[in-house]
C-alpha atoms as a PDB file:
ATOM      1  CA  UNK A   1     200.953  83.171  69.033  1.00  0.00           C
ATOM      2  CA  UNK A   2     200.722  86.620  70.570  1.00  0.00           C
ATOM      3  CA  UNK A   3     203.545  89.093  70.200  1.00  0.00           C
ATOM      4  CA  UNK A   4     204.548  91.257  73.115  1.00  0.00           C
ATOM      5  CA  UNK A   5     201.731  93.689  72.319  1.00  0.00           C
ATOM      6  CA  UNK A   6     199.814  91.536  69.878  1.00  0.00           C
ATOM      7  CA  UNK A   7     196.234  90.540  69.468  1.00  0.00           C
ATOM      8  CA  UNK A   8     195.459  87.127  70.918  1.00  0.00           C
ATOM      9  CA  UNK A   9     191.838  86.639  69.834  1.00  0.00           C
ATOM     10  CA  UNK A  10     188.814  88.480  68.481  1.00  0.00           C
ATOM     11  CA  UNK A  11     188.946  90.848  71.429  1.00  0.00           C
ATOM     12  CA  UNK A  12     192.040  92.792  72.343  1.00  0.00           C
ATOM     13  CA  UNK A  13     194.160  91.175  75.028  1.00  0.00           C
ATOM     14  CA  UNK A  14     197.268  93.250  75.562  1.00  0.00           C
ATOM     15  CA  UNK A  15     200.204  91.503  77.162  1.00  0.00           C
ATOM     16  CA  UNK A  16     202.179  93.911  79.340  1.00  0.00           C
ATOM     17  CA  UNK A  17     205.351  92.597  80.940  1.00  0.00           C
ATOM     18  CA  UNK A  18     206.966  95.788  82.214  1.00  0.00           C
ATOM     19  CA  UNK A  19     205.827  99.227  83.256  1.00  0.00           C
ATOM     20  CA  UNK A  20     205.388 100.429  79.687  1.00  0.00           C
ATOM     21  CA  UNK A  21     203.831 103.757  78.728  1.00  0.00           C
ATOM     22  CA  UNK A  22     201.440 104.834  76.017  1.00  0.00           C
ATOM     23  CA  UNK A  23     200.589 108.290  74.623  1.00  0.00           C
ATOM     24  CA  UNK A  24     196.924 109.111  74.099  1.00  0.00           C
ATOM     25  CA  UNK A  25     194.680 111.965  72.987  1.00  0.00           C
ATOM     26  CA  UNK A  26     193.081 113.434  76.108  1.00  0.00           C
ATOM     27  CA  UNK A  27     189.788 114.290  74.355  1.00  0.00           C
ATOM     28  CA  UNK A  28     189.171 111.025  72.479  1.00  0.00           C
ATOM     29  CA  UNK A  29     191.365 108.639  74.560  1.00  0.00           C
ATOM     30  CA  UNK A  30     192.689 107.163  71.289  1.00  0.00           C
ATOM     31  CA  UNK A  31     196.248 105.910  71.771  1.00  0.00           C
ATOM     32  CA  UNK A  32     199.078 106.770  69.390  1.00  0.00           C
ATOM     33  CA  UNK A  33     199.799 103.971  66.945  1.00  0.00           C
ATOM     34  CA  UNK A  34     202.923 102.858  65.081  1.00  0.00           C
ATOM     35  CA  UNK A  35     203.386 103.800  61.427  1.00  0.00           C
ATOM     36  CA  UNK A  36     201.578 100.632  60.359  1.00  0.00           C
ATOM     37  CA  UNK A  37     198.532 101.860  62.286  1.00  0.00           C
ATOM     38  CA  UNK A  38     197.909  98.427  63.773  1.00  0.00           C
ATOM     39  CA  UNK A  39     199.940  98.316  66.998  1.00  0.00           C
ATOM     40  CA  UNK A  40     200.131 100.852  69.789  1.00  0.00           C
ATOM     41  CA  UNK A  41     203.264 102.962  70.052  1.00  0.00           C
ATOM     42  CA  UNK A  42     204.761 101.895  73.367  1.00  0.00           C
ATOM     43  CA  UNK A  43     207.508 103.596  75.376  1.00  0.00           C
ATOM     44  CA  UNK A  44     209.677 101.602  77.776  1.00  0.00           C
ATOM     45  CA  UNK A  45     210.227 104.413  80.270  1.00  0.00           C
ATOM     46  CA  UNK A  46     208.291 107.380  81.605  1.00  0.00           C
ATOM     47  CA  UNK A  47     210.968 109.899  80.498  1.00  0.00           C
ATOM     48  CA  UNK A  48     210.764 108.543  76.936  1.00  0.00           C
ATOM     49  CA  UNK A  49     206.972 108.959  76.900  1.00  0.00           C
ATOM     50  CA  UNK A  50     207.220 112.449  78.414  1.00  0.00           C
ATOM     51  CA  UNK A  51     209.793 113.476  75.775  1.00  0.00           C
ATOM     52  CA  UNK A  52     207.540 112.162  72.990  1.00  0.00           C
ATOM     53  CA  UNK A  53     204.586 114.184  74.320  1.00  0.00           C
ATOM     54  CA  UNK A  54     206.806 117.271  74.450  1.00  0.00           C
ATOM     55  CA  UNK A  55     207.867 116.725  70.821  1.00  0.00           C
ATOM     56  CA  UNK A  56     204.207 116.344  69.779  1.00  0.00           C
ATOM     57  CA  UNK A  57     203.274 119.602  71.495  1.00  0.00           C
ATOM     58  CA  UNK A  58     206.191 121.498  69.932  1.00  0.00           C
ATOM     59  CA  UNK A  59     205.532 120.100  66.440  1.00  0.00           C
ATOM     60  CA  UNK A  60     201.931 121.276  66.527  1.00  0.00           C
ATOM     61  CA  UNK A  61     201.065 118.956  63.647  1.00  0.00           C
ATOM     62  CA  UNK A  62     198.573 116.908  65.663  1.00  0.00           C
ATOM     63  CA  UNK A  63     195.215 118.252  66.780  1.00  0.00           C
ATOM     64  CA  UNK A  64     194.262 117.956  70.412  1.00  0.00           C
ATOM     65  CA  UNK A  65     196.023 117.625  73.734  1.00  0.00           C
ATOM     66  CA  UNK A  66     198.174 114.570  74.402  1.00  0.00           C
ATOM     67  CA  UNK A  67     199.248 112.935  77.628  1.00  0.00           C
ATOM     68  CA  UNK A  68     200.916 109.687  78.634  1.00  0.00           C
ATOM     69  CA  UNK A  69     200.035 106.944  81.064  1.00  0.00           C
ATOM     70  CA  UNK A  70     201.307 103.605  82.273  1.00  0.00           C
ATOM     71  CA  UNK A  71     199.644 100.970  80.058  1.00  0.00           C
ATOM     72  CA  UNK A  72     197.777  99.066  82.781  1.00  0.00           C
ATOM     73  CA  UNK A  73     196.301 102.337  84.062  1.00  0.00           C
ATOM     74  CA  UNK A  74     195.406 103.404  80.514  1.00  0.00           C
ATOM     75  CA  UNK A  75     193.493 100.201  79.746  1.00  0.00           C
ATOM     76  CA  UNK A  76     191.797 100.040  83.155  1.00  0.00           C
ATOM     77  CA  UNK A  77     190.837 103.687  83.703  1.00  0.00           C
ATOM     78  CA  UNK A  78     191.296 105.900  80.631  1.00  0.00           C
ATOM     79  CA  UNK A  79     190.564 104.070  77.379  1.00  0.00           C
ATOM     80  CA  UNK A  80     187.013 104.624  76.123  1.00  0.00           C
ATOM     81  CA  UNK A  81     184.723 101.818  74.995  1.00  0.00           C
ATOM     82  CA  UNK A  82     182.420 102.234  71.982  1.00  0.00           C
ATOM     83  CA  UNK A  83     179.169 100.454  71.252  1.00  0.00           C
ATOM     84  CA  UNK A  84     179.235  98.485  67.980  1.00  0.00           C
ATOM     85  CA  UNK A  85     176.966  96.039  66.170  1.00  0.00           C
ATOM     86  CA  UNK A  86     178.153  92.609  65.068  1.00  0.00           C
ATOM     87  CA  UNK A  87     177.796  92.599  61.271  1.00  0.00           C
ATOM     88  CA  UNK A  88     176.659  88.972  61.063  1.00  0.00           C
ATOM     89  CA  UNK A  89     174.463  88.493  64.139  1.00  0.00           C
ATOM     90  CA  UNK A  90     173.212  92.055  64.614  1.00  0.00           C
ATOM     91  CA  UNK A  91     174.000  91.903  68.345  1.00  0.00           C
ATOM     92  CA  UNK A  92     175.436  95.020  69.955  1.00  0.00           C
ATOM     93  CA  UNK A  93     178.633  94.851  71.984  1.00  0.00           C
ATOM     94  CA  UNK A  94     181.246  97.136  73.522  1.00  0.00           C
ATOM     95  CA  UNK A  95     184.829  97.250  72.278  1.00  0.00           C
ATOM     96  CA  UNK A  96     187.918  99.368  72.800  1.00  0.00           C
ATOM     97  CA  UNK A  97     188.129 102.604  70.870  1.00  0.00           C
ATOM     98  CA  UNK A  98     191.566 101.386  69.730  1.00  0.00           C
ATOM     99  CA  UNK A  99     190.270  98.167  68.152  1.00  0.00           C
ATOM    100  CA  UNK A 100     191.465  98.000  64.568  1.00  0.00           C
ATOM    101  CA  UNK A 101     188.654  97.541  62.052  1.00  0.00           C
ATOM    102  CA  UNK A 102     190.404  94.418  60.689  1.00  0.00           C
ATOM    103  CA  UNK A 103     189.788  92.565  63.965  1.00  0.00           C
ATOM    104  CA  UNK A 104     186.391  94.012  64.816  1.00  0.00           C
ATOM    105  CA  UNK A 105     183.355  91.806  64.240  1.00  0.00           C
ATOM    106  CA  UNK A 106     181.492  94.986  63.274  1.00  0.00           C
ATOM    107  CA  UNK A 107     183.488  95.346  60.037  1.00  0.00           C
ATOM    108  CA  UNK A 108     183.049  93.710  56.676  1.00  0.00           C
ATOM    109  CA  UNK A 109     186.814  93.299  56.459  1.00  0.00           C
ATOM    110  CA  UNK A 110     186.788  90.949  59.444  1.00  0.00           C
ATOM    111  CA  UNK A 111     184.153  88.666  57.943  1.00  0.00           C
ATOM    112  CA  UNK A 112     185.580  88.630  54.401  1.00  0.00           C
ATOM    113  CA  UNK A 113     189.067  87.487  55.440  1.00  0.00           C
END
């Protein structure tokens, strides 16, 4: 069963019910993740996302420029895709830059689970 922002299969299928917002690195398009590093950090409102970006800029502890976007726009227009090779078949494929290595068919961890 998929959680609200969970992974539903081998490929990422994000389930977005509301106008949620995500913070991402402008240069790399990598989205901010929760402390576990597995799920995306999601903000329910635009002001909450804007405040988080402001805190990141003031803290100065993260490298790069950050911005926020509505999740559907982020996945459709901003998020980069990277070319990977399936570890077992050797076929190349494209996947989200935010795909965790544990669910990527290009990682040994995926195949040894």
